[in-house]
Amino acid sequence: MEYNGLTLDDFKQYLNELEELTMLNESIADLIYHYGKQHNDYCEFYYPTSINMVVRLLSIIMDDQRGWIAYWCFERNFGKLHGAATVTDEDGTVYPLETAEHLWNILAAERRTKGAQ
């Protein structure tokens, strides 16, 4: 499977790397906070600029007009938030939203629906 030159395997790898980067950034912020300093410009710059930029780029490549990638990454904690997550499309089809592959499938379904219009 490929979309705009991006394969499912690459998509999953980028999301895994984003999760690792997010965890690293949170650890750095916790370390700075632990030693009594406020979050400095480095932490405030590093997180939104690098992580959010990659999410935006993936959203553009995948034509994610509804924000599913950002939702899965940040609201669902990269699919690790407890509780089943599902998405229901306009036709009533229910899709799971727990893994990067589920996310890919939702985006693919939206592209198919959009192409049919």
PDB file of N, CA and C in Angstrom:
ATOM      1  N   MET A   1       0.838  -1.188   0.000  1.00  0.00           N
ATOM      2  CA  MET A   1       0.000   0.000   0.000  1.00  0.00           C
ATOM      3  C   MET A   1       0.880   1.247   0.000  1.00  0.00           C
ATOM      4  N   GLU A   2       0.487   2.189  -0.796  1.00  0.00           N
ATOM      5  CA  GLU A   2       1.252   3.424  -0.895  1.00  0.00           C
ATOM      6  C   GLU A   2       0.304   4.569  -1.214  1.00  0.00           C
ATOM      7  N   TYR A   3       0.617   5.737  -0.656  1.00  0.00           N
ATOM      8  CA  TYR A   3      -0.158   6.934  -0.965  1.00  0.00           C
ATOM      9  C   TYR A   3       0.794   8.112  -1.049  1.00  0.00           C
ATOM     10  N   ASN A   4       0.780   8.812  -2.165  1.00  0.00           N
ATOM     11  CA  ASN A   4       1.685   9.951  -2.401  1.00  0.00           C
ATOM     12  C   ASN A   4       3.137   9.605  -2.097  1.00  0.00           C
ATOM     13  N   GLY A   5       3.532   8.384  -2.438  1.00  0.00           N
ATOM     14  CA  GLY A   5       4.907   7.948  -2.231  1.00  0.00           C
ATOM     15  C   GLY A   5       5.204   7.442  -0.831  1.00  0.00           C
ATOM     16  N   LEU A   6       4.226   7.457   0.056  1.00  0.00           N
ATOM     17  CA  LEU A   6       4.413   7.006   1.438  1.00  0.00           C
ATOM     18  C   LEU A   6       3.802   5.618   1.593  1.00  0.00           C
ATOM     19  N   THR A   7       4.624   4.668   2.038  1.00  0.00           N
ATOM     20  CA  THR A   7       4.123   3.314   2.250  1.00  0.00           C
ATOM     21  C   THR A   7       3.583   3.182   3.670  1.00  0.00           C
ATOM     22  N   LEU A   8       2.796   2.144   3.877  1.00  0.00           N
ATOM     23  CA  LEU A   8       2.278   1.860   5.215  1.00  0.00           C
ATOM     24  C   LEU A   8       3.421   1.638   6.192  1.00  0.00           C
ATOM     25  N   ASP A   9       4.445   0.905   5.775  1.00  0.00           N
ATOM     26  CA  ASP A   9       5.582   0.654   6.670  1.00  0.00           C
ATOM     27  C   ASP A   9       6.291   1.949   7.058  1.00  0.00           C
ATOM     28  N   ASP A  10       6.488   2.837   6.091  1.00  0.00           N
ATOM     29  CA  ASP A  10       7.114   4.126   6.398  1.00  0.00           C
ATOM     30  C   ASP A  10       6.233   4.950   7.325  1.00  0.00           C
ATOM     31  N   PHE A  11       4.937   4.964   7.060  1.00  0.00           N
ATOM     32  CA  PHE A  11       3.977   5.687   7.892  1.00  0.00           C
ATOM     33  C   PHE A  11       4.069   5.204   9.340  1.00  0.00           C
ATOM     34  N   LYS A  12       4.064   3.899   9.524  1.00  0.00           N
ATOM     35  CA  LYS A  12       4.164   3.333  10.874  1.00  0.00           C
ATOM     36  C   LYS A  12       5.498   3.692  11.523  1.00  0.00           C
ATOM     37  N   GLN A  13       6.579   3.651  10.749  1.00  0.00           N
ATOM     38  CA  GLN A  13       7.899   3.993  11.288  1.00  0.00           C
ATOM     39  C   GLN A  13       7.955   5.453  11.720  1.00  0.00           C
ATOM     40  N   TYR A  14       7.418   6.362  10.910  1.00  0.00           N
ATOM     41  CA  TYR A  14       7.415   7.781  11.277  1.00  0.00           C
ATOM     42  C   TYR A  14       6.613   8.019  12.558  1.00  0.00           C
ATOM     43  N   LEU A  15       5.484   7.348  12.683  1.00  0.00           N
ATOM     44  CA  LEU A  15       4.678   7.500  13.896  1.00  0.00           C
ATOM     45  C   LEU A  15       5.398   6.929  15.110  1.00  0.00           C
ATOM     46  N   ASN A  16       6.096   5.816  14.943  1.00  0.00           N
ATOM     47  CA  ASN A  16       6.890   5.256  16.052  1.00  0.00           C
ATOM     48  C   ASN A  16       7.990   6.226  16.475  1.00  0.00           C
ATOM     49  N   GLU A  17       8.660   6.816  15.493  1.00  0.00           N
ATOM     50  CA  GLU A  17       9.720   7.771  15.806  1.00  0.00           C
ATOM     51  C   GLU A  17       9.162   9.029  16.462  1.00  0.00           C
ATOM     52  N   LEU A  18       7.984   9.466  16.041  1.00  0.00           N
ATOM     53  CA  LEU A  18       7.336  10.614  16.681  1.00  0.00           C
ATOM     54  C   LEU A  18       7.014  10.308  18.144  1.00  0.00           C
ATOM     55  N   GLU A  19       6.551   9.097  18.399  1.00  0.00           N
ATOM     56  CA  GLU A  19       6.247   8.711  19.773  1.00  0.00           C
ATOM     57  C   GLU A  19       7.520   8.711  20.628  1.00  0.00           C
ATOM     58  N   GLU A  20       8.588   8.159  20.095  1.00  0.00           N
ATOM     59  CA  GLU A  20       9.860   8.152  20.828  1.00  0.00           C
ATOM     60  C   GLU A  20      10.349   9.572  21.090  1.00  0.00           C
ATOM     61  N   LEU A  21      10.242  10.432  20.095  1.00  0.00           N
ATOM     62  CA  LEU A  21      10.656  11.824  20.253  1.00  0.00           C
ATOM     63  C   LEU A  21       9.802  12.537  21.300  1.00  0.00           C
ATOM     64  N   THR A  22       8.510  12.259  21.301  1.00  0.00           N
ATOM     65  CA  THR A  22       7.606  12.851  22.284  1.00  0.00           C
ATOM     66  C   THR A  22       7.991  12.410  23.697  1.00  0.00           C
ATOM     67  N   MET A  23       8.265  11.116  23.859  1.00  0.00           N
ATOM     68  CA  MET A  23       8.659  10.605  25.175  1.00  0.00           C
ATOM     69  C   MET A  23       9.990  11.216  25.628  1.00  0.00           C
ATOM     70  N   LEU A  24      10.923  11.352  24.709  1.00  0.00           N
ATOM     71  CA  LEU A  24      12.209  11.964  25.036  1.00  0.00           C
ATOM     72  C   LEU A  24      12.016  13.413  25.458  1.00  0.00           C
ATOM     73  N   ASN A  25      11.202  14.148  24.721  1.00  0.00           N
ATOM     74  CA  ASN A  25      10.952  15.544  25.052  1.00  0.00           C
ATOM     75  C   ASN A  25      10.305  15.676  26.434  1.00  0.00           C
ATOM     76  N   GLU A  26       9.350  14.793  26.732  1.00  0.00           N
ATOM     77  CA  GLU A  26       8.698  14.836  28.045  1.00  0.00           C
ATOM     78  C   GLU A  26       9.687  14.523  29.158  1.00  0.00           C
ATOM     79  N   SER A  27      10.608  13.618  28.900  1.00  0.00           N
ATOM     80  CA  SER A  27      11.632  13.302  29.897  1.00  0.00           C
ATOM     81  C   SER A  27      12.550  14.492  30.142  1.00  0.00           C
ATOM     82  N   ILE A  28      12.922  15.178  29.084  1.00  0.00           N
ATOM     83  CA  ILE A  28      13.771  16.368  29.222  1.00  0.00           C
ATOM     84  C   ILE A  28      13.029  17.451  30.001  1.00  0.00           C
ATOM     85  N   ALA A  29      11.753  17.668  29.661  1.00  0.00           N
ATOM     86  CA  ALA A  29      10.964  18.677  30.370  1.00  0.00           C
ATOM     87  C   ALA A  29      10.824  18.314  31.846  1.00  0.00           C
ATOM     88  N   ASP A  30      10.605  17.033  32.145  1.00  0.00           N
ATOM     89  CA  ASP A  30      10.511  16.590  33.539  1.00  0.00           C
ATOM     90  C   ASP A  30      11.825  16.808  34.277  1.00  0.00           C
ATOM     91  N   LEU A  31      12.930  16.539  33.611  1.00  0.00           N
ATOM     92  CA  LEU A  31      14.245  16.726  34.219  1.00  0.00           C
ATOM     93  C   LEU A  31      14.485  18.203  34.546  1.00  0.00           C
ATOM     94  N   ILE A  32      14.176  19.065  33.612  1.00  0.00           N
ATOM     95  CA  ILE A  32      14.352  20.502  33.846  1.00  0.00           C
ATOM     96  C   ILE A  32      13.452  20.955  34.994  1.00  0.00           C
ATOM     97  N   TYR A  33      12.212  20.499  34.998  1.00  0.00           N
ATOM     98  CA  TYR A  33      11.283  20.864  36.068  1.00  0.00           C
ATOM     99  C   TYR A  33      11.756  20.332  37.418  1.00  0.00           C
ATOM    100  N   HIS A  34      12.250  19.108  37.425  1.00  0.00           N
ATOM    101  CA  HIS A  34      12.716  18.469  38.657  1.00  0.00           C
ATOM    102  C   HIS A  34      13.831  19.282  39.332  1.00  0.00           C
ATOM    103  N   TYR A  35      14.684  19.879  38.534  1.00  0.00           N
ATOM    104  CA  TYR A  35      15.789  20.658  39.102  1.00  0.00           C
ATOM    105  C   TYR A  35      15.431  22.121  39.323  1.00  0.00           C
ATOM    106  N   GLY A  36      14.143  22.422  39.375  1.00  0.00           N
ATOM    107  CA  GLY A  36      13.671  23.726  39.815  1.00  0.00           C
ATOM    108  C   GLY A  36      13.641  24.815  38.781  1.00  0.00           C
ATOM    109  N   LYS A  37      13.880  24.497  37.549  1.00  0.00           N
ATOM    110  CA  LYS A  37      13.836  25.524  36.511  1.00  0.00           C
ATOM    111  C   LYS A  37      12.517  25.420  35.764  1.00  0.00           C
ATOM    112  N   GLN A  38      12.035  26.540  35.306  1.00  0.00           N
ATOM    113  CA  GLN A  38      10.840  26.532  34.467  1.00  0.00           C
ATOM    114  C   GLN A  38      11.234  25.980  33.096  1.00  0.00           C
ATOM    115  N   HIS A  39      10.241  25.533  32.350  1.00  0.00           N
ATOM    116  CA  HIS A  39      10.541  25.055  31.002  1.00  0.00           C
ATOM    117  C   HIS A  39      11.134  26.220  30.215  1.00  0.00           C
ATOM    118  N   ASN A  40      12.335  26.017  29.745  1.00  0.00           N
ATOM    119  CA  ASN A  40      13.015  27.100  29.043  1.00  0.00           C
ATOM    120  C   ASN A  40      12.630  27.118  27.567  1.00  0.00           C
ATOM    121  N   ASP A  41      13.210  28.038  26.838  1.00  0.00           N
ATOM    122  CA  ASP A  41      12.893  28.182  25.422  1.00  0.00           C
ATOM    123  C   ASP A  41      13.206  26.912  24.636  1.00  0.00           C
ATOM    124  N   TYR A  42      14.221  26.172  25.067  1.00  0.00           N
ATOM    125  CA  TYR A  42      14.578  24.945  24.359  1.00  0.00           C
ATOM    126  C   TYR A  42      13.403  23.979  24.342  1.00  0.00           C
ATOM    127  N   CYS A  43      12.804  23.721  25.494  1.00  0.00           N
ATOM    128  CA  CYS A  43      11.693  22.766  25.562  1.00  0.00           C
ATOM    129  C   CYS A  43      10.477  23.283  24.818  1.00  0.00           C
ATOM    130  N   GLU A  44      10.195  24.541  24.950  1.00  0.00           N
ATOM    131  CA  GLU A  44       9.032  25.098  24.280  1.00  0.00           C
ATOM    132  C   GLU A  44       9.235  25.115  22.766  1.00  0.00           C
ATOM    133  N   PHE A  45      10.458  25.295  22.327  1.00  0.00           N
ATOM    134  CA  PHE A  45      10.744  25.320  20.897  1.00  0.00           C
ATOM    135  C   PHE A  45      10.782  23.909  20.327  1.00  0.00           C
ATOM    136  N   TYR A  46      11.461  23.036  21.003  1.00  0.00           N
ATOM    137  CA  TYR A  46      11.734  21.688  20.507  1.00  0.00           C
ATOM    138  C   TYR A  46      10.453  20.907  20.246  1.00  0.00           C
ATOM    139  N   TYR A  47       9.552  20.883  21.181  1.00  0.00           N
ATOM    140  CA  TYR A  47       8.357  20.053  21.051  1.00  0.00           C
ATOM    141  C   TYR A  47       7.424  20.524  19.945  1.00  0.00           C
ATOM    142  N   PRO A  48       6.900  21.731  20.021  1.00  0.00           N
ATOM    143  CA  PRO A  48       5.925  22.096  18.994  1.00  0.00           C
ATOM    144  C   PRO A  48       6.514  22.161  17.597  1.00  0.00           C
ATOM    145  N   THR A  49       7.724  22.633  17.488  1.00  0.00           N
ATOM    146  CA  THR A  49       8.283  22.828  16.164  1.00  0.00           C
ATOM    147  C   THR A  49       8.581  21.515  15.470  1.00  0.00           C
ATOM    148  N   SER A  50       9.306  20.622  16.120  1.00  0.00           N
ATOM    149  CA  SER A  50       9.710  19.400  15.435  1.00  0.00           C
ATOM    150  C   SER A  50       8.598  18.367  15.359  1.00  0.00           C
ATOM    151  N   ILE A  51       7.930  18.099  16.451  1.00  0.00           N
ATOM    152  CA  ILE A  51       6.912  17.053  16.475  1.00  0.00           C
ATOM    153  C   ILE A  51       5.667  17.486  15.710  1.00  0.00           C
ATOM    154  N   ASN A  52       5.180  18.651  15.989  1.00  0.00           N
ATOM    155  CA  ASN A  52       3.974  19.117  15.299  1.00  0.00           C
ATOM    156  C   ASN A  52       4.210  19.311  13.806  1.00  0.00           C
ATOM    157  N   MET A  53       5.417  19.693  13.435  1.00  0.00           N
ATOM    158  CA  MET A  53       5.736  19.870  12.024  1.00  0.00           C
ATOM    159  C   MET A  53       5.641  18.537  11.286  1.00  0.00           C
ATOM    160  N   VAL A  54       6.159  17.481  11.873  1.00  0.00           N
ATOM    161  CA  VAL A  54       6.089  16.167  11.235  1.00  0.00           C
ATOM    162  C   VAL A  54       4.635  15.694  11.143  1.00  0.00           C
ATOM    163  N   VAL A  55       3.853  15.931  12.184  1.00  0.00           N
ATOM    164  CA  VAL A  55       2.433  15.564  12.140  1.00  0.00           C
ATOM    165  C   VAL A  55       1.734  16.332  11.015  1.00  0.00           C
ATOM    166  N   ARG A  56       2.032  17.613  10.889  1.00  0.00           N
ATOM    167  CA  ARG A  56       1.426  18.405   9.810  1.00  0.00           C
ATOM    168  C   ARG A  56       1.844  17.884   8.432  1.00  0.00           C
ATOM    169  N   LEU A  57       3.128  17.542   8.288  1.00  0.00           N
ATOM    170  CA  LEU A  57       3.596  17.010   7.008  1.00  0.00           C
ATOM    171  C   LEU A  57       2.922  15.684   6.666  1.00  0.00           C
ATOM    172  N   LEU A  58       2.818  14.791   7.648  1.00  0.00           N
ATOM    173  CA  LEU A  58       2.120  13.527   7.406  1.00  0.00           C
ATOM    174  C   LEU A  58       0.660  13.781   7.038  1.00  0.00           C
ATOM    175  N   SER A  59       0.044  14.759   7.682  1.00  0.00           N
ATOM    176  CA  SER A  59      -1.349  15.096   7.386  1.00  0.00           C
ATOM    177  C   SER A  59      -1.508  15.609   5.958  1.00  0.00           C
ATOM    178  N   ILE A  60      -0.548  16.389   5.500  1.00  0.00           N
ATOM    179  CA  ILE A  60      -0.594  16.894   4.124  1.00  0.00           C
ATOM    180  C   ILE A  60      -0.389  15.748   3.139  1.00  0.00           C
ATOM    181  N   ILE A  61       0.615  14.926   3.390  1.00  0.00           N
ATOM    182  CA  ILE A  61       0.896  13.800   2.489  1.00  0.00           C
ATOM    183  C   ILE A  61      -0.296  12.858   2.402  1.00  0.00           C
ATOM    184  N   MET A  62      -0.926  12.587   3.548  1.00  0.00           N
ATOM    185  CA  MET A  62      -2.038  11.633   3.602  1.00  0.00           C
ATOM    186  C   MET A  62      -3.391  12.284   3.328  1.00  0.00           C
ATOM    187  N   ASP A  63      -3.395  13.582   3.060  1.00  0.00           N
ATOM    188  CA  ASP A  63      -4.627  14.327   2.803  1.00  0.00           C
ATOM    189  C   ASP A  63      -5.621  14.162   3.960  1.00  0.00           C
ATOM    190  N   ASP A  64      -5.097  14.295   5.165  1.00  0.00           N
ATOM    191  CA  ASP A  64      -5.883  14.116   6.400  1.00  0.00           C
ATOM    192  C   ASP A  64      -6.575  15.423   6.755  1.00  0.00           C
ATOM    193  N   GLN A  65      -7.689  15.681   6.114  1.00  0.00           N
ATOM    194  CA  GLN A  65      -8.389  16.944   6.318  1.00  0.00           C
ATOM    195  C   GLN A  65      -9.190  16.987   7.610  1.00  0.00           C
ATOM    196  N   ARG A  66      -9.404  15.838   8.244  1.00  0.00           N
ATOM    197  CA  ARG A  66     -10.192  15.805   9.473  1.00  0.00           C
ATOM    198  C   ARG A  66      -9.329  15.731  10.726  1.00  0.00           C
ATOM    199  N   GLY A  67      -8.005  15.668  10.571  1.00  0.00           N
ATOM    200  CA  GLY A  67      -7.117  15.713  11.729  1.00  0.00           C
ATOM    201  C   GLY A  67      -6.962  14.401  12.490  1.00  0.00           C
ATOM    202  N   TRP A  68      -7.158  13.266  11.796  1.00  0.00           N
ATOM    203  CA  TRP A  68      -7.057  11.982  12.481  1.00  0.00           C
ATOM    204  C   TRP A  68      -5.646  11.686  12.973  1.00  0.00           C
ATOM    205  N   ILE A  69      -4.644  12.104  12.229  1.00  0.00           N
ATOM    206  CA  ILE A  69      -3.260  11.811  12.642  1.00  0.00           C
ATOM    207  C   ILE A  69      -2.948  12.532  13.947  1.00  0.00           C
ATOM    208  N   ALA A  70      -3.241  13.815  14.023  1.00  0.00           N
ATOM    209  CA  ALA A  70      -2.985  14.564  15.262  1.00  0.00           C
ATOM    210  C   ALA A  70      -3.803  14.000  16.413  1.00  0.00           C
ATOM    211  N   TYR A  71      -5.051  13.638  16.141  1.00  0.00           N
ATOM    212  CA  TYR A  71      -5.908  13.057  17.176  1.00  0.00           C
ATOM    213  C   TYR A  71      -5.300  11.762  17.706  1.00  0.00           C
ATOM    214  N   TRP A  72      -4.870  10.882  16.806  1.00  0.00           N
ATOM    215  CA  TRP A  72      -4.306   9.598  17.211  1.00  0.00           C
ATOM    216  C   TRP A  72      -3.010   9.801  18.006  1.00  0.00           C
ATOM    217  N   CYS A  73      -2.195  10.731  17.565  1.00  0.00           N
ATOM    218  CA  CYS A  73      -0.914  10.977  18.247  1.00  0.00           C
ATOM    219  C   CYS A  73      -1.111  11.622  19.614  1.00  0.00           C
ATOM    220  N   PHE A  74      -1.878  12.687  19.657  1.00  0.00           N
ATOM    221  CA  PHE A  74      -1.908  13.510  20.866  1.00  0.00           C
ATOM    222  C   PHE A  74      -3.089  13.225  21.789  1.00  0.00           C
ATOM    223  N   GLU A  75      -4.258  12.993  21.232  1.00  0.00           N
ATOM    224  CA  GLU A  75      -5.418  12.722  22.083  1.00  0.00           C
ATOM    225  C   GLU A  75      -5.496  11.257  22.500  1.00  0.00           C
ATOM    226  N   ARG A  76      -5.057  10.373  21.625  1.00  0.00           N
ATOM    227  CA  ARG A  76      -5.088   8.931  21.906  1.00  0.00           C
ATOM    228  C   ARG A  76      -3.713   8.408  22.328  1.00  0.00           C
ATOM    229  N   ASN A  77      -2.755   9.317  22.555  1.00  0.00           N
ATOM    230  CA  ASN A  77      -1.415   8.948  23.018  1.00  0.00           C
ATOM    231  C   ASN A  77      -0.805   7.846  22.155  1.00  0.00           C
ATOM    232  N   PHE A  78      -0.772   8.083  20.869  1.00  0.00           N
ATOM    233  CA  PHE A  78      -0.209   7.139  19.907  1.00  0.00           C
ATOM    234  C   PHE A  78      -0.889   5.777  20.005  1.00  0.00           C
ATOM    235  N   GLY A  79      -2.198   5.814  20.201  1.00  0.00           N
ATOM    236  CA  GLY A  79      -2.995   4.596  20.253  1.00  0.00           C
ATOM    237  C   GLY A  79      -2.953   3.854  21.572  1.00  0.00           C
ATOM    238  N   LYS A  80      -2.293   4.429  22.567  1.00  0.00           N
ATOM    239  CA  LYS A  80      -2.112   3.736  23.834  1.00  0.00           C
ATOM    240  C   LYS A  80      -3.117   4.127  24.918  1.00  0.00           C
ATOM    241  N   LEU A  81      -3.971   5.091  24.628  1.00  0.00           N
ATOM    242  CA  LEU A  81      -4.966   5.501  25.605  1.00  0.00           C
ATOM    243  C   LEU A  81      -5.933   4.346  25.831  1.00  0.00           C
ATOM    244  N   HIS A  82      -6.217   4.080  27.090  1.00  0.00           N
ATOM    245  CA  HIS A  82      -7.101   2.956  27.421  1.00  0.00           C
ATOM    246  C   HIS A  82      -8.508   3.204  26.900  1.00  0.00           C
ATOM    247  N   GLY A  83      -9.161   2.142  26.586  1.00  0.00           N
ATOM    248  CA  GLY A  83     -10.514   2.233  26.055  1.00  0.00           C
ATOM    249  C   GLY A  83     -10.488   2.101  24.545  1.00  0.00           C
ATOM    250  N   ALA A  84     -11.433   1.378  24.049  1.00  0.00           N
ATOM    251  CA  ALA A  84     -11.494   1.161  22.606  1.00  0.00           C
ATOM    252  C   ALA A  84     -11.798   2.462  21.883  1.00  0.00           C
ATOM    253  N   ALA A  85     -11.100   2.680  20.818  1.00  0.00           N
ATOM    254  CA  ALA A  85     -11.331   3.855  19.987  1.00  0.00           C
ATOM    255  C   ALA A  85     -11.830   3.384  18.634  1.00  0.00           C
ATOM    256  N   THR A  86     -12.919   3.984  18.202  1.00  0.00           N
ATOM    257  CA  THR A  86     -13.456   3.668  16.883  1.00  0.00           C
ATOM    258  C   THR A  86     -13.868   4.957  16.189  1.00  0.00           C
ATOM    259  N   VAL A  87     -13.963   4.858  14.893  1.00  0.00           N
ATOM    260  CA  VAL A  87     -14.408   5.959  14.056  1.00  0.00           C
ATOM    261  C   VAL A  87     -15.522   5.418  13.178  1.00  0.00           C
ATOM    262  N   THR A  88     -16.589   6.162  13.067  1.00  0.00           N
ATOM    263  CA  THR A  88     -17.704   5.767  12.209  1.00  0.00           C
ATOM    264  C   THR A  88     -17.778   6.728  11.038  1.00  0.00           C
ATOM    265  N   ASP A  89     -17.750   6.169   9.825  1.00  0.00           N
ATOM    266  CA  ASP A  89     -17.808   7.042   8.658  1.00  0.00           C
ATOM    267  C   ASP A  89     -19.251   7.388   8.315  1.00  0.00           C
ATOM    268  N   GLU A  90     -19.420   8.160   7.258  1.00  0.00           N
ATOM    269  CA  GLU A  90     -20.744   8.646   6.875  1.00  0.00           C
ATOM    270  C   GLU A  90     -21.699   7.519   6.498  1.00  0.00           C
ATOM    271  N   ASP A  91     -21.149   6.382   6.059  1.00  0.00           N
ATOM    272  CA  ASP A  91     -21.984   5.240   5.682  1.00  0.00           C
ATOM    273  C   ASP A  91     -22.331   4.357   6.872  1.00  0.00           C
ATOM    274  N   GLY A  92     -21.801   4.677   8.054  1.00  0.00           N
ATOM    275  CA  GLY A  92     -22.060   3.881   9.242  1.00  0.00           C
ATOM    276  C   GLY A  92     -21.049   2.778   9.481  1.00  0.00           C
ATOM    277  N   THR A  93     -20.027   2.679   8.627  1.00  0.00           N
ATOM    278  CA  THR A  93     -18.979   1.687   8.826  1.00  0.00           C
ATOM    279  C   THR A  93     -18.130   2.102  10.018  1.00  0.00           C
ATOM    280  N   VAL A  94     -17.881   1.150  10.918  1.00  0.00           N
ATOM    281  CA  VAL A  94     -17.090   1.425  12.110  1.00  0.00           C
ATOM    282  C   VAL A  94     -15.673   0.891  11.899  1.00  0.00           C
ATOM    283  N   TYR A  95     -14.690   1.756  12.146  1.00  0.00           N
ATOM    284  CA  TYR A  95     -13.283   1.392  12.014  1.00  0.00           C
ATOM    285  C   TYR A  95     -12.612   1.507  13.385  1.00  0.00           C
ATOM    286  N   PRO A  96     -11.781   0.530  13.748  1.00  0.00           N
ATOM    287  CA  PRO A  96     -11.010   0.671  14.985  1.00  0.00           C
ATOM    288  C   PRO A  96      -9.925   1.727  14.796  1.00  0.00           C
ATOM    289  N   LEU A  97      -9.530   2.360  15.895  1.00  0.00           N
ATOM    290  CA  LEU A  97      -8.469   3.377  15.842  1.00  0.00           C
ATOM    291  C   LEU A  97      -7.524   3.161  17.021  1.00  0.00           C
ATOM    292  N   GLU A  98      -6.798   2.056  16.970  1.00  0.00           N
ATOM    293  CA  GLU A  98      -5.880   1.753  18.063  1.00  0.00           C
ATOM    294  C   GLU A  98      -4.431   1.642  17.607  1.00  0.00           C
ATOM    295  N   THR A  99      -4.206   1.310  16.351  1.00  0.00           N
ATOM    296  CA  THR A  99      -2.845   1.142  15.847  1.00  0.00           C
ATOM    297  C   THR A  99      -2.598   2.093  14.686  1.00  0.00           C
ATOM    298  N   ALA A 100      -1.340   2.215  14.317  1.00  0.00           N
ATOM    299  CA  ALA A 100      -0.991   3.044  13.158  1.00  0.00           C
ATOM    300  C   ALA A 100      -1.619   2.486  11.888  1.00  0.00           C
ATOM    301  N   GLU A 101      -1.719   1.175  11.808  1.00  0.00           N
ATOM    302  CA  GLU A 101      -2.351   0.576  10.631  1.00  0.00           C
ATOM    303  C   GLU A 101      -3.847   0.884  10.596  1.00  0.00           C
ATOM    304  N   HIS A 102      -4.501   0.896  11.756  1.00  0.00           N
ATOM    305  CA  HIS A 102      -5.912   1.303  11.808  1.00  0.00           C
ATOM    306  C   HIS A 102      -6.048   2.737  11.297  1.00  0.00           C
ATOM    307  N   LEU A 103      -5.152   3.599  11.742  1.00  0.00           N
ATOM    308  CA  LEU A 103      -5.171   4.994  11.313  1.00  0.00           C
ATOM    309  C   LEU A 103      -5.024   5.083   9.796  1.00  0.00           C
ATOM    310  N   TRP A 104      -4.081   4.345   9.253  1.00  0.00           N
ATOM    311  CA  TRP A 104      -3.870   4.292   7.804  1.00  0.00           C
ATOM    312  C   TRP A 104      -5.157   3.871   7.097  1.00  0.00           C
ATOM    313  N   ASN A 105      -5.823   2.840   7.637  1.00  0.00           N
ATOM    314  CA  ASN A 105      -7.051   2.331   7.018  1.00  0.00           C
ATOM    315  C   ASN A 105      -8.171   3.370   7.030  1.00  0.00           C
ATOM    316  N   ILE A 106      -8.268   4.132   8.110  1.00  0.00           N
ATOM    317  CA  ILE A 106      -9.278   5.199   8.177  1.00  0.00           C
ATOM    318  C   ILE A 106      -8.996   6.254   7.119  1.00  0.00           C
ATOM    319  N   LEU A 107      -7.745   6.640   6.999  1.00  0.00           N
ATOM    320  CA  LEU A 107      -7.378   7.646   6.001  1.00  0.00           C
ATOM    321  C   LEU A 107      -7.619   7.116   4.587  1.00  0.00           C
ATOM    322  N   ALA A 108      -7.340   5.831   4.361  1.00  0.00           N
ATOM    323  CA  ALA A 108      -7.575   5.225   3.048  1.00  0.00           C
ATOM    324  C   ALA A 108      -9.069   5.197   2.733  1.00  0.00           C
ATOM    325  N   ALA A 109      -9.882   4.884   3.734  1.00  0.00           N
ATOM    326  CA  ALA A 109     -11.337   4.860   3.534  1.00  0.00           C
ATOM    327  C   ALA A 109     -11.842   6.255   3.181  1.00  0.00           C
ATOM    328  N   GLU A 110     -11.310   7.271   3.839  1.00  0.00           N
ATOM    329  CA  GLU A 110     -11.729   8.645   3.539  1.00  0.00           C
ATOM    330  C   GLU A 110     -11.326   9.040   2.126  1.00  0.00           C
ATOM    331  N   ARG A 111     -10.161   8.584   1.679  1.00  0.00           N
ATOM    332  CA  ARG A 111      -9.724   8.883   0.301  1.00  0.00           C
ATOM    333  C   ARG A 111     -10.650   8.194  -0.708  1.00  0.00           C
ATOM    334  N   ARG A 112     -11.038   6.953  -0.412  1.00  0.00           N
ATOM    335  CA  ARG A 112     -11.955   6.242  -1.305  1.00  0.00           C
ATOM    336  C   ARG A 112     -13.303   6.955  -1.386  1.00  0.00           C
ATOM    337  N   THR A 113     -13.802   7.382  -0.237  1.00  0.00           N
ATOM    338  CA  THR A 113     -15.084   8.095  -0.195  1.00  0.00           C
ATOM    339  C   THR A 113     -14.984   9.399  -0.971  1.00  0.00           C
ATOM    340  N   LYS A 114     -13.882  10.111  -0.767  1.00  0.00           N
ATOM    341  CA  LYS A 114     -13.680  11.388  -1.443  1.00  0.00           C
ATOM    342  C   LYS A 114     -13.581  11.180  -2.962  1.00  0.00           C
ATOM    343  N   GLY A 115     -12.915  10.094  -3.367  1.00  0.00           N
ATOM    344  CA  GLY A 115     -12.758   9.806  -4.798  1.00  0.00           C
ATOM    345  C   GLY A 115     -14.051   9.405  -5.467  1.00  0.00           C
ATOM    346  N   ALA A 116     -14.970   8.871  -4.672  1.00  0.00           N
ATOM    347  CA  ALA A 116     -16.263   8.441  -5.215  1.00  0.00           C
ATOM    348  C   ALA A 116     -17.206   9.604  -5.432  1.00  0.00           C
ATOM    349  N   GLN A 117     -16.909  10.729  -4.839  1.00  0.00           N
ATOM    350  CA  GLN A 117     -17.804  11.881  -4.947  1.00  0.00           C
ATOM    351  C   GLN A 117     -17.589  12.634  -6.232  1.00  0.00           C
TER     352      GLN A 117
END
